[in-house]
Amino acid sequence: MNAVFKALADPTRRRVLELLRQRPMSAGELSEHFAVSRPTMSAHFAVLREADLIEANKIGTTIIYQLKLSVLEDALLGFTQLFGIGTGERTSSDAAGVAQPKRTRKGADP
């Protein structure tokens, strides 16, 4: 899970994942969306591959990247379970009687 959150910590890598959600893309296609050098993009791709969030398939001299959505889903599910989100379980702050901030909808009157 640490590798996934390290990968998600960078806005460029999050944008790469957003783009790959649409369809598989070549390294060149992805790089066109960013104002950084190709070596920098390669480093971002390496972090995403290390976290197992994308897979790379080489076709000739072209590398096609594809999102591995199931890995992202598993990491996020594990994170939510770690904190008891969506499980109905009380968190330690709930059990200790710590007041929770009120949540309001954006644009709603308080």
PDB file of N, CA and C in Angstrom:
ATOM      1  N   MET A   1       0.828  -1.196   0.000  1.00  0.00           N
ATOM      2  CA  MET A   1       0.000   0.000   0.000  1.00  0.00           C
ATOM      3  C   MET A   1       0.871   1.258   0.000  1.00  0.00           C
ATOM      4  N   ASN A   2       2.040   1.206   0.649  1.00  0.00           N
ATOM      5  CA  ASN A   2       2.918   2.383   0.691  1.00  0.00           C
ATOM      6  C   ASN A   2       3.348   2.832  -0.697  1.00  0.00           C
ATOM      7  N   ALA A   3       3.679   1.874  -1.564  1.00  0.00           N
ATOM      8  CA  ALA A   3       4.113   2.221  -2.921  1.00  0.00           C
ATOM      9  C   ALA A   3       2.986   2.889  -3.693  1.00  0.00           C
ATOM     10  N   VAL A   4       1.757   2.438  -3.464  1.00  0.00           N
ATOM     11  CA  VAL A   4       0.608   3.034  -4.150  1.00  0.00           C
ATOM     12  C   VAL A   4       0.435   4.479  -3.713  1.00  0.00           C
ATOM     13  N   PHE A   5       0.490   4.728  -2.417  1.00  0.00           N
ATOM     14  CA  PHE A   5       0.293   6.101  -1.941  1.00  0.00           C
ATOM     15  C   PHE A   5       1.473   6.999  -2.298  1.00  0.00           C
ATOM     16  N   LYS A   6       2.669   6.445  -2.375  1.00  0.00           N
ATOM     17  CA  LYS A   6       3.815   7.227  -2.860  1.00  0.00           C
ATOM     18  C   LYS A   6       3.555   7.645  -4.305  1.00  0.00           C
ATOM     19  N   ALA A   7       3.057   6.723  -5.096  1.00  0.00           N
ATOM     20  CA  ALA A   7       2.773   7.029  -6.504  1.00  0.00           C
ATOM     21  C   ALA A   7       1.668   8.070  -6.627  1.00  0.00           C
ATOM     22  N   LEU A   8       0.654   7.972  -5.784  1.00  0.00           N
ATOM     23  CA  LEU A   8      -0.482   8.888  -5.848  1.00  0.00           C
ATOM     24  C   LEU A   8      -0.161  10.267  -5.270  1.00  0.00           C
ATOM     25  N   ALA A   9       0.949  10.389  -4.569  1.00  0.00           N
ATOM     26  CA  ALA A   9       1.294  11.659  -3.925  1.00  0.00           C
ATOM     27  C   ALA A   9       1.662  12.756  -4.923  1.00  0.00           C
ATOM     28  N   ASP A  10       2.037  12.371  -6.117  1.00  0.00           N
ATOM     29  CA  ASP A  10       2.478  13.351  -7.108  1.00  0.00           C
ATOM     30  C   ASP A  10       1.349  13.675  -8.090  1.00  0.00           C
ATOM     31  N   PRO A  11       1.062  14.966  -8.312  1.00  0.00           N
ATOM     32  CA  PRO A  11      -0.034  15.340  -9.217  1.00  0.00           C
ATOM     33  C   PRO A  11       0.186  14.895 -10.665  1.00  0.00           C
ATOM     34  N   THR A  12       1.428  14.836 -11.109  1.00  0.00           N
ATOM     35  CA  THR A  12       1.693  14.372 -12.471  1.00  0.00           C
ATOM     36  C   THR A  12       1.296  12.910 -12.618  1.00  0.00           C
ATOM     37  N   ARG A  13       1.656  12.106 -11.628  1.00  0.00           N
ATOM     38  CA  ARG A  13       1.312  10.683 -11.695  1.00  0.00           C
ATOM     39  C   ARG A  13      -0.200  10.474 -11.588  1.00  0.00           C
ATOM     40  N   ARG A  14      -0.863  11.280 -10.773  1.00  0.00           N
ATOM     41  CA  ARG A  14      -2.331  11.174 -10.697  1.00  0.00           C
ATOM     42  C   ARG A  14      -2.956  11.515 -12.040  1.00  0.00           C
ATOM     43  N   ARG A  15      -2.417  12.516 -12.719  1.00  0.00           N
ATOM     44  CA  ARG A  15      -2.940  12.897 -14.039  1.00  0.00           C
ATOM     45  C   ARG A  15      -2.685  11.789 -15.062  1.00  0.00           C
ATOM     46  N   VAL A  16      -1.531  11.126 -14.982  1.00  0.00           N
ATOM     47  CA  VAL A  16      -1.256   9.994 -15.873  1.00  0.00           C
ATOM     48  C   VAL A  16      -2.324   8.923 -15.678  1.00  0.00           C
ATOM     49  N   LEU A  17      -2.657   8.635 -14.444  1.00  0.00           N
ATOM     50  CA  LEU A  17      -3.686   7.623 -14.169  1.00  0.00           C
ATOM     51  C   LEU A  17      -5.038   8.056 -14.722  1.00  0.00           C
ATOM     52  N   GLU A  18      -5.349   9.344 -14.593  1.00  0.00           N
ATOM     53  CA  GLU A  18      -6.603   9.857 -15.160  1.00  0.00           C
ATOM     54  C   GLU A  18      -6.639   9.646 -16.668  1.00  0.00           C
ATOM     55  N   LEU A  19      -5.544   9.952 -17.322  1.00  0.00           N
ATOM     56  CA  LEU A  19      -5.473   9.793 -18.775  1.00  0.00           C
ATOM     57  C   LEU A  19      -5.601   8.324 -19.171  1.00  0.00           C
ATOM     58  N   LEU A  20      -4.942   7.454 -18.418  1.00  0.00           N
ATOM     59  CA  LEU A  20      -4.996   6.028 -18.736  1.00  0.00           C
ATOM     60  C   LEU A  20      -6.363   5.419 -18.422  1.00  0.00           C
ATOM     61  N   ARG A  21      -7.136   6.096 -17.622  1.00  0.00           N
ATOM     62  CA  ARG A  21      -8.500   5.633 -17.355  1.00  0.00           C
ATOM     63  C   ARG A  21      -9.337   5.687 -18.635  1.00  0.00           C
ATOM     64  N   GLN A  22      -9.009   6.616 -19.511  1.00  0.00           N
ATOM     65  CA  GLN A  22      -9.735   6.764 -20.772  1.00  0.00           C
ATOM     66  C   GLN A  22      -9.416   5.628 -21.735  1.00  0.00           C
ATOM     67  N   ARG A  23      -8.111   5.298 -21.819  1.00  0.00           N
ATOM     68  CA  ARG A  23      -7.658   4.247 -22.739  1.00  0.00           C
ATOM     69  C   ARG A  23      -6.162   4.042 -22.561  1.00  0.00           C
ATOM     70  N   PRO A  24      -5.647   2.884 -23.010  1.00  0.00           N
ATOM     71  CA  PRO A  24      -4.184   2.709 -23.006  1.00  0.00           C
ATOM     72  C   PRO A  24      -3.543   3.745 -23.927  1.00  0.00           C
ATOM     73  N   MET A  25      -2.358   4.198 -23.559  1.00  0.00           N
ATOM     74  CA  MET A  25      -1.651   5.213 -24.346  1.00  0.00           C
ATOM     75  C   MET A  25      -0.166   4.896 -24.381  1.00  0.00           C
ATOM     76  N   SER A  26       0.466   5.385 -25.430  1.00  0.00           N
ATOM     77  CA  SER A  26       1.917   5.233 -25.534  1.00  0.00           C
ATOM     78  C   SER A  26       2.593   6.259 -24.618  1.00  0.00           C
ATOM     79  N   ALA A  27       3.847   6.005 -24.342  1.00  0.00           N
ATOM     80  CA  ALA A  27       4.626   6.939 -23.524  1.00  0.00           C
ATOM     81  C   ALA A  27       4.650   8.317 -24.177  1.00  0.00           C
ATOM     82  N   GLY A  28       4.778   8.348 -25.484  1.00  0.00           N
ATOM     83  CA  GLY A  28       4.802   9.616 -26.206  1.00  0.00           C
ATOM     84  C   GLY A  28       3.488  10.367 -26.095  1.00  0.00           C
ATOM     85  N   GLU A  29       2.368   9.648 -26.236  1.00  0.00           N
ATOM     86  CA  GLU A  29       1.053  10.286 -26.111  1.00  0.00           C
ATOM     87  C   GLU A  29       0.877  10.889 -24.721  1.00  0.00           C
ATOM     88  N   LEU A  30       1.268  10.134 -23.715  1.00  0.00           N
ATOM     89  CA  LEU A  30       1.140  10.629 -22.343  1.00  0.00           C
ATOM     90  C   LEU A  30       2.035  11.845 -22.123  1.00  0.00           C
ATOM     91  N   SER A  31       3.254  11.776 -22.625  1.00  0.00           N
ATOM     92  CA  SER A  31       4.211  12.867 -22.432  1.00  0.00           C
ATOM     93  C   SER A  31       3.742  14.180 -23.036  1.00  0.00           C
ATOM     94  N   GLU A  32       2.934  14.097 -24.093  1.00  0.00           N
ATOM     95  CA  GLU A  32       2.427  15.305 -24.745  1.00  0.00           C
ATOM     96  C   GLU A  32       1.550  16.152 -23.824  1.00  0.00           C
ATOM     97  N   HIS A  33       1.021  15.557 -22.775  1.00  0.00           N
ATOM     98  CA  HIS A  33       0.139  16.265 -21.847  1.00  0.00           C
ATOM     99  C   HIS A  33       0.888  17.013 -20.745  1.00  0.00           C
ATOM    100  N   PHE A  34       2.214  16.904 -20.732  1.00  0.00           N
ATOM    101  CA  PHE A  34       3.000  17.474 -19.644  1.00  0.00           C
ATOM    102  C   PHE A  34       4.172  18.294 -20.185  1.00  0.00           C
ATOM    103  N   ALA A  35       4.496  19.349 -19.481  1.00  0.00           N
ATOM    104  CA  ALA A  35       5.623  20.211 -19.867  1.00  0.00           C
ATOM    105  C   ALA A  35       6.876  19.811 -19.107  1.00  0.00           C
ATOM    106  N   VAL A  36       7.226  18.537 -19.189  1.00  0.00           N
ATOM    107  CA  VAL A  36       8.440  18.033 -18.546  1.00  0.00           C
ATOM    108  C   VAL A  36       9.213  17.193 -19.558  1.00  0.00           C
ATOM    109  N   SER A  37      10.451  16.894 -19.246  1.00  0.00           N
ATOM    110  CA  SER A  37      11.289  16.122 -20.161  1.00  0.00           C
ATOM    111  C   SER A  37      10.867  14.654 -20.195  1.00  0.00           C
ATOM    112  N   ARG A  38      11.268  13.973 -21.242  1.00  0.00           N
ATOM    113  CA  ARG A  38      10.963  12.537 -21.361  1.00  0.00           C
ATOM    114  C   ARG A  38      11.604  11.723 -20.228  1.00  0.00           C
ATOM    115  N   PRO A  39      12.855  12.039 -19.839  1.00  0.00           N
ATOM    116  CA  PRO A  39      13.424  11.296 -18.703  1.00  0.00           C
ATOM    117  C   PRO A  39      12.603  11.473 -17.413  1.00  0.00           C
ATOM    118  N   THR A  40      12.071  12.673 -17.207  1.00  0.00           N
ATOM    119  CA  THR A  40      11.231  12.906 -16.025  1.00  0.00           C
ATOM    120  C   THR A  40       9.968  12.061 -16.109  1.00  0.00           C
ATOM    121  N   MET A  41       9.357  12.014 -17.310  1.00  0.00           N
ATOM    122  CA  MET A  41       8.161  11.189 -17.486  1.00  0.00           C
ATOM    123  C   MET A  41       8.494   9.713 -17.280  1.00  0.00           C
ATOM    124  N   SER A  42       9.650   9.284 -17.761  1.00  0.00           N
ATOM    125  CA  SER A  42      10.061   7.890 -17.567  1.00  0.00           C
ATOM    126  C   SER A  42      10.171   7.556 -16.088  1.00  0.00           C
ATOM    127  N   ALA A  43      10.672   8.505 -15.303  1.00  0.00           N
ATOM    128  CA  ALA A  43      10.773   8.294 -13.857  1.00  0.00           C
ATOM    129  C   ALA A  43       9.378   8.163 -13.238  1.00  0.00           C
ATOM    130  N   HIS A  44       8.432   8.986 -13.694  1.00  0.00           N
ATOM    131  CA  HIS A  44       7.058   8.874 -13.200  1.00  0.00           C
ATOM    132  C   HIS A  44       6.457   7.511 -13.572  1.00  0.00           C
ATOM    133  N   PHE A  45       6.698   7.083 -14.815  1.00  0.00           N
ATOM    134  CA  PHE A  45       6.183   5.776 -15.238  1.00  0.00           C
ATOM    135  C   PHE A  45       6.780   4.656 -14.386  1.00  0.00           C
ATOM    136  N   ALA A  46       8.047   4.783 -14.046  1.00  0.00           N
ATOM    137  CA  ALA A  46       8.711   3.761 -13.225  1.00  0.00           C
ATOM    138  C   ALA A  46       8.076   3.661 -11.842  1.00  0.00           C
ATOM    139  N   VAL A  47       7.762   4.804 -11.240  1.00  0.00           N
ATOM    140  CA  VAL A  47       7.114   4.800  -9.923  1.00  0.00           C
ATOM    141  C   VAL A  47       5.733   4.148 -10.017  1.00  0.00           C
ATOM    142  N   LEU A  48       4.999   4.469 -11.061  1.00  0.00           N
ATOM    143  CA  LEU A  48       3.661   3.878 -11.248  1.00  0.00           C
ATOM    144  C   LEU A  48       3.749   2.378 -11.502  1.00  0.00           C
ATOM    145  N   ARG A  49       4.762   1.943 -12.247  1.00  0.00           N
ATOM    146  CA  ARG A  49       4.948   0.498 -12.477  1.00  0.00           C
ATOM    147  C   ARG A  49       5.353  -0.198 -11.186  1.00  0.00           C
ATOM    148  N   GLU A  50       6.241   0.438 -10.406  1.00  0.00           N
ATOM    149  CA  GLU A  50       6.689  -0.137  -9.136  1.00  0.00           C
ATOM    150  C   GLU A  50       5.514  -0.343  -8.183  1.00  0.00           C
ATOM    151  N   ALA A  51       4.555   0.580  -8.228  1.00  0.00           N
ATOM    152  CA  ALA A  51       3.355   0.469  -7.390  1.00  0.00           C
ATOM    153  C   ALA A  51       2.340  -0.482  -8.000  1.00  0.00           C
ATOM    154  N   ASP A  52       2.636  -1.000  -9.172  1.00  0.00           N
ATOM    155  CA  ASP A  52       1.775  -1.936  -9.898  1.00  0.00           C
ATOM    156  C   ASP A  52       0.449  -1.294 -10.319  1.00  0.00           C
ATOM    157  N   LEU A  53       0.465   0.030 -10.503  1.00  0.00           N
ATOM    158  CA  LEU A  53      -0.740   0.746 -10.928  1.00  0.00           C
ATOM    159  C   LEU A  53      -0.899   0.753 -12.441  1.00  0.00           C
ATOM    160  N   ILE A  54       0.213   0.570 -13.161  1.00  0.00           N
ATOM    161  CA  ILE A  54       0.153   0.503 -14.614  1.00  0.00           C
ATOM    162  C   ILE A  54       0.989  -0.681 -15.080  1.00  0.00           C
ATOM    163  N   GLU A  55       0.674  -1.134 -16.281  1.00  0.00           N
ATOM    164  CA  GLU A  55       1.529  -2.133 -16.893  1.00  0.00           C
ATOM    165  C   GLU A  55       2.007  -1.585 -18.225  1.00  0.00           C
ATOM    166  N   ALA A  56       3.186  -1.996 -18.612  1.00  0.00           N
ATOM    167  CA  ALA A  56       3.802  -1.526 -19.845  1.00  0.00           C
ATOM    168  C   ALA A  56       3.962  -2.700 -20.800  1.00  0.00           C
ATOM    169  N   ASN A  57       3.508  -2.499 -22.025  1.00  0.00           N
ATOM    170  CA  ASN A  57       3.663  -3.507 -23.070  1.00  0.00           C
ATOM    171  C   ASN A  57       4.437  -2.885 -24.213  1.00  0.00           C
ATOM    172  N   LYS A  58       5.546  -3.517 -24.571  1.00  0.00           N
ATOM    173  CA  LYS A  58       6.375  -2.992 -25.645  1.00  0.00           C
ATOM    174  C   LYS A  58       5.919  -3.600 -26.965  1.00  0.00           C
ATOM    175  N   ILE A  59       5.619  -2.715 -27.909  1.00  0.00           N
ATOM    176  CA  ILE A  59       5.248  -3.131 -29.261  1.00  0.00           C
ATOM    177  C   ILE A  59       6.250  -2.466 -30.201  1.00  0.00           C
ATOM    178  N   GLY A  60       7.202  -3.241 -30.674  1.00  0.00           N
ATOM    179  CA  GLY A  60       8.293  -2.667 -31.470  1.00  0.00           C
ATOM    180  C   GLY A  60       9.120  -1.757 -30.580  1.00  0.00           C
ATOM    181  N   THR A  61       9.195  -0.483 -30.960  1.00  0.00           N
ATOM    182  CA  THR A  61       9.939   0.489 -30.148  1.00  0.00           C
ATOM    183  C   THR A  61       9.014   1.338 -29.287  1.00  0.00           C
ATOM    184  N   THR A  62       7.710   1.053 -29.354  1.00  0.00           N
ATOM    185  CA  THR A  62       6.714   1.841 -28.621  1.00  0.00           C
ATOM    186  C   THR A  62       6.302   1.115 -27.344  1.00  0.00           C
ATOM    187  N   ILE A  63       6.213   1.868 -26.269  1.00  0.00           N
ATOM    188  CA  ILE A  63       5.719   1.307 -25.005  1.00  0.00           C
ATOM    189  C   ILE A  63       4.302   1.816 -24.799  1.00  0.00           C
ATOM    190  N   ILE A  64       3.372   0.886 -24.628  1.00  0.00           N
ATOM    191  CA  ILE A  64       1.977   1.218 -24.371  1.00  0.00           C
ATOM    192  C   ILE A  64       1.692   0.960 -22.895  1.00  0.00           C
ATOM    193  N   TYR A  65       1.179   1.989 -22.223  1.00  0.00           N
ATOM    194  CA  TYR A  65       0.844   1.874 -20.807  1.00  0.00           C
ATOM    195  C   TYR A  65      -0.659   1.674 -20.646  1.00  0.00           C
ATOM    196  N   GLN A  66      -0.998   0.859 -19.659  1.00  0.00           N
ATOM    197  CA  GLN A  66      -2.397   0.564 -19.375  1.00  0.00           C
ATOM    198  C   GLN A  66      -2.613   0.607 -17.863  1.00  0.00           C
ATOM    199  N   LEU A  67      -3.732   1.171 -17.454  1.00  0.00           N
ATOM    200  CA  LEU A  67      -4.075   1.282 -16.043  1.00  0.00           C
ATOM    201  C   LEU A  67      -4.478  -0.076 -15.481  1.00  0.00           C
ATOM    202  N   LYS A  68      -3.992  -0.384 -14.289  1.00  0.00           N
ATOM    203  CA  LYS A  68      -4.401  -1.602 -13.576  1.00  0.00           C
ATOM    204  C   LYS A  68      -5.331  -1.154 -12.451  1.00  0.00           C
ATOM    205  N   LEU A  69      -6.552  -0.903 -12.808  1.00  0.00           N
ATOM    206  CA  LEU A  69      -7.523  -0.328 -11.892  1.00  0.00           C
ATOM    207  C   LEU A  69      -7.750  -1.201 -10.659  1.00  0.00           C
ATOM    208  N   SER A  70      -7.697  -2.508 -10.812  1.00  0.00           N
ATOM    209  CA  SER A  70      -7.949  -3.386  -9.668  1.00  0.00           C
ATOM    210  C   SER A  70      -6.930  -3.158  -8.552  1.00  0.00           C
ATOM    211  N   VAL A  71      -5.692  -2.861  -8.892  1.00  0.00           N
ATOM    212  CA  VAL A  71      -4.662  -2.608  -7.870  1.00  0.00           C
ATOM    213  C   VAL A  71      -4.995  -1.331  -7.114  1.00  0.00           C
ATOM    214  N   LEU A  72      -5.403  -0.299  -7.824  1.00  0.00           N
ATOM    215  CA  LEU A  72      -5.788   0.963  -7.186  1.00  0.00           C
ATOM    216  C   LEU A  72      -7.001   0.751  -6.289  1.00  0.00           C
ATOM    217  N   GLU A  73      -7.977   0.025  -6.780  1.00  0.00           N
ATOM    218  CA  GLU A  73      -9.175  -0.248  -5.981  1.00  0.00           C
ATOM    219  C   GLU A  73      -8.820  -1.003  -4.707  1.00  0.00           C
ATOM    220  N   ASP A  74      -7.961  -2.024  -4.817  1.00  0.00           N
ATOM    221  CA  ASP A  74      -7.551  -2.806  -3.647  1.00  0.00           C
ATOM    222  C   ASP A  74      -6.837  -1.939  -2.618  1.00  0.00           C
ATOM    223  N   ALA A  75      -5.958  -1.051  -3.077  1.00  0.00           N
ATOM    224  CA  ALA A  75      -5.222  -0.179  -2.158  1.00  0.00           C
ATOM    225  C   ALA A  75      -6.173   0.776  -1.440  1.00  0.00           C
ATOM    226  N   LEU A  76      -7.093   1.362  -2.177  1.00  0.00           N
ATOM    227  CA  LEU A  76      -8.037   2.298  -1.564  1.00  0.00           C
ATOM    228  C   LEU A  76      -8.985   1.582  -0.613  1.00  0.00           C
ATOM    229  N   LEU A  77      -9.410   0.381  -0.965  1.00  0.00           N
ATOM    230  CA  LEU A  77     -10.267  -0.399  -0.079  1.00  0.00           C
ATOM    231  C   LEU A  77      -9.523  -0.733   1.219  1.00  0.00           C
ATOM    232  N   GLY A  78      -8.252  -1.142   1.089  1.00  0.00           N
ATOM    233  CA  GLY A  78      -7.451  -1.436   2.275  1.00  0.00           C
ATOM    234  C   GLY A  78      -7.282  -0.211   3.158  1.00  0.00           C
ATOM    235  N   PHE A  79      -7.106   0.947   2.540  1.00  0.00           N
ATOM    236  CA  PHE A  79      -6.957   2.192   3.283  1.00  0.00           C
ATOM    237  C   PHE A  79      -8.243   2.528   4.031  1.00  0.00           C
ATOM    238  N   THR A  80      -9.380   2.396   3.379  1.00  0.00           N
ATOM    239  CA  THR A  80     -10.649   2.711   4.038  1.00  0.00           C
ATOM    240  C   THR A  80     -10.923   1.734   5.177  1.00  0.00           C
ATOM    241  N   GLN A  81     -10.561   0.485   4.987  1.00  0.00           N
ATOM    242  CA  GLN A  81     -10.771  -0.501   6.050  1.00  0.00           C
ATOM    243  C   GLN A  81      -9.862  -0.235   7.237  1.00  0.00           C
ATOM    244  N   LEU A  82      -8.662   0.259   6.970  1.00  0.00           N
ATOM    245  CA  LEU A  82      -7.715   0.588   8.032  1.00  0.00           C
ATOM    246  C   LEU A  82      -8.319   1.584   9.014  1.00  0.00           C
ATOM    247  N   PHE A  83      -9.105   2.517   8.494  1.00  0.00           N
ATOM    248  CA  PHE A  83      -9.715   3.553   9.322  1.00  0.00           C
ATOM    249  C   PHE A  83     -11.187   3.300   9.613  1.00  0.00           C
ATOM    250  N   GLY A  84     -11.693   2.141   9.209  1.00  0.00           N
ATOM    251  CA  GLY A  84     -13.080   1.801   9.502  1.00  0.00           C
ATOM    252  C   GLY A  84     -14.084   2.635   8.714  1.00  0.00           C
ATOM    253  N   ILE A  85     -13.658   3.204   7.592  1.00  0.00           N
ATOM    254  CA  ILE A  85     -14.552   4.026   6.781  1.00  0.00           C
ATOM    255  C   ILE A  85     -15.500   3.118   6.015  1.00  0.00           C
ATOM    256  N   GLY A  86     -16.790   3.422   6.128  1.00  0.00           N
ATOM    257  CA  GLY A  86     -17.789   2.671   5.387  1.00  0.00           C
ATOM    258  C   GLY A  86     -18.124   1.318   5.983  1.00  0.00           C
ATOM    259  N   THR A  87     -17.561   0.994   7.146  1.00  0.00           N
ATOM    260  CA  THR A  87     -17.825  -0.313   7.752  1.00  0.00           C
ATOM    261  C   THR A  87     -18.803  -0.219   8.913  1.00  0.00           C
ATOM    262  N   GLY A  88     -19.119   0.999   9.333  1.00  0.00           N
ATOM    263  CA  GLY A  88     -19.999   1.174  10.475  1.00  0.00           C
ATOM    264  C   GLY A  88     -19.267   1.036  11.799  1.00  0.00           C
ATOM    265  N   GLU A  89     -17.961   0.736  11.756  1.00  0.00           N
ATOM    266  CA  GLU A  89     -17.171   0.612  12.980  1.00  0.00           C
ATOM    267  C   GLU A  89     -16.850   1.992  13.526  1.00  0.00           C
ATOM    268  N   ARG A  90     -16.776   2.079  14.837  1.00  0.00           N
ATOM    269  CA  ARG A  90     -16.410   3.340  15.467  1.00  0.00           C
ATOM    270  C   ARG A  90     -14.909   3.497  15.440  1.00  0.00           C
ATOM    271  N   THR A  91     -14.455   4.708  15.197  1.00  0.00           N
ATOM    272  CA  THR A  91     -13.027   4.991  15.240  1.00  0.00           C
ATOM    273  C   THR A  91     -12.622   5.278  16.670  1.00  0.00           C
ATOM    274  N   SER A  92     -11.341   5.337  16.945  1.00  0.00           N
ATOM    275  CA  SER A  92     -10.863   5.595  18.302  1.00  0.00           C
ATOM    276  C   SER A  92     -11.309   6.975  18.779  1.00  0.00           C
ATOM    277  N   SER A  93     -11.406   7.956  17.894  1.00  0.00           N
ATOM    278  CA  SER A  93     -11.853   9.279  18.324  1.00  0.00           C
ATOM    279  C   SER A  93     -13.341   9.259  18.668  1.00  0.00           C
ATOM    280  N   ASP A  94     -14.126   8.423  17.956  1.00  0.00           N
ATOM    281  CA  ASP A  94     -15.540   8.270  18.305  1.00  0.00           C
ATOM    282  C   ASP A  94     -15.662   7.659  19.701  1.00  0.00           C
ATOM    283  N   ALA A  95     -14.876   6.609  19.948  1.00  0.00           N
ATOM    284  CA  ALA A  95     -14.946   5.904  21.218  1.00  0.00           C
ATOM    285  C   ALA A  95     -14.491   6.779  22.374  1.00  0.00           C
ATOM    286  N   ALA A  96     -13.569   7.696  22.114  1.00  0.00           N
ATOM    287  CA  ALA A  96     -13.047   8.567  23.163  1.00  0.00           C
ATOM    288  C   ALA A  96     -13.951   9.769  23.410  1.00  0.00           C
ATOM    289  N   GLY A  97     -15.014   9.880  22.626  1.00  0.00           N
ATOM    290  CA  GLY A  97     -15.937  10.992  22.806  1.00  0.00           C
ATOM    291  C   GLY A  97     -15.447  12.287  22.194  1.00  0.00           C
ATOM    292  N   VAL A  98     -14.510  12.211  21.271  1.00  0.00           N
ATOM    293  CA  VAL A  98     -13.994  13.400  20.620  1.00  0.00           C
ATOM    294  C   VAL A  98     -15.046  13.917  19.655  1.00  0.00           C
ATOM    295  N   ALA A  99     -15.329  15.192  19.765  1.00  0.00           N
ATOM    296  CA  ALA A  99     -16.337  15.789  18.891  1.00  0.00           C
ATOM    297  C   ALA A  99     -15.851  15.765  17.451  1.00  0.00           C
ATOM    298  N   GLN A 100     -16.734  15.357  16.563  1.00  0.00           N
ATOM    299  CA  GLN A 100     -16.416  15.323  15.145  1.00  0.00           C
ATOM    300  C   GLN A 100     -16.951  16.589  14.487  1.00  0.00           C
ATOM    301  N   PRO A 101     -16.210  17.155  13.530  1.00  0.00           N
ATOM    302  CA  PRO A 101     -16.694  18.367  12.864  1.00  0.00           C
ATOM    303  C   PRO A 101     -17.957  18.058  12.065  1.00  0.00           C
ATOM    304  N   LYS A 102     -18.854  19.063  12.031  1.00  0.00           N
ATOM    305  CA  LYS A 102     -20.071  18.878  11.247  1.00  0.00           C
ATOM    306  C   LYS A 102     -19.723  18.939   9.787  1.00  0.00           C
ATOM    307  N   ARG A 103     -20.357  18.067   9.027  1.00  0.00           N
ATOM    308  CA  ARG A 103     -20.137  18.053   7.578  1.00  0.00           C
ATOM    309  C   ARG A 103     -21.357  18.655   6.906  1.00  0.00           C
ATOM    310  N   THR A 104     -21.092  19.617   6.055  1.00  0.00           N
ATOM    311  CA  THR A 104     -22.193  20.237   5.320  1.00  0.00           C
ATOM    312  C   THR A 104     -21.918  20.096   3.834  1.00  0.00           C
ATOM    313  N   ARG A 105     -22.972  20.081   3.080  1.00  0.00           N
ATOM    314  CA  ARG A 105     -22.823  20.029   1.637  1.00  0.00           C
ATOM    315  C   ARG A 105     -22.326  21.369   1.146  1.00  0.00           C
ATOM    316  N   LYS A 106     -21.541  21.337   0.100  1.00  0.00           N
ATOM    317  CA  LYS A 106     -21.014  22.553  -0.486  1.00  0.00           C
ATOM    318  C   LYS A 106     -22.182  23.392  -0.983  1.00  0.00           C
ATOM    319  N   GLY A 107     -22.223  24.652  -0.571  1.00  0.00           N
ATOM    320  CA  GLY A 107     -23.284  25.546  -0.991  1.00  0.00           C
ATOM    321  C   GLY A 107     -24.519  25.484  -0.107  1.00  0.00           C
ATOM    322  N   ALA A 108     -24.562  24.539   0.844  1.00  0.00           N
ATOM    323  CA  ALA A 108     -25.728  24.427   1.735  1.00  0.00           C
ATOM    324  C   ALA A 108     -25.578  25.416   2.880  1.00  0.00           C
ATOM    325  N   ASP A 109     -26.700  25.893   3.393  1.00  0.00           N
ATOM    326  CA  ASP A 109     -26.669  26.790   4.538  1.00  0.00           C
ATOM    327  C   ASP A 109     -26.299  26.021   5.776  1.00  0.00           C
ATOM    328  N   PRO A 110     -25.463  26.587   6.651  1.00  0.00           N
ATOM    329  CA  PRO A 110     -25.042  25.869   7.870  1.00  0.00           C
ATOM    330  C   PRO A 110     -26.170  25.737   8.864  1.00  0.00           C
TER     331      PRO A 110
END
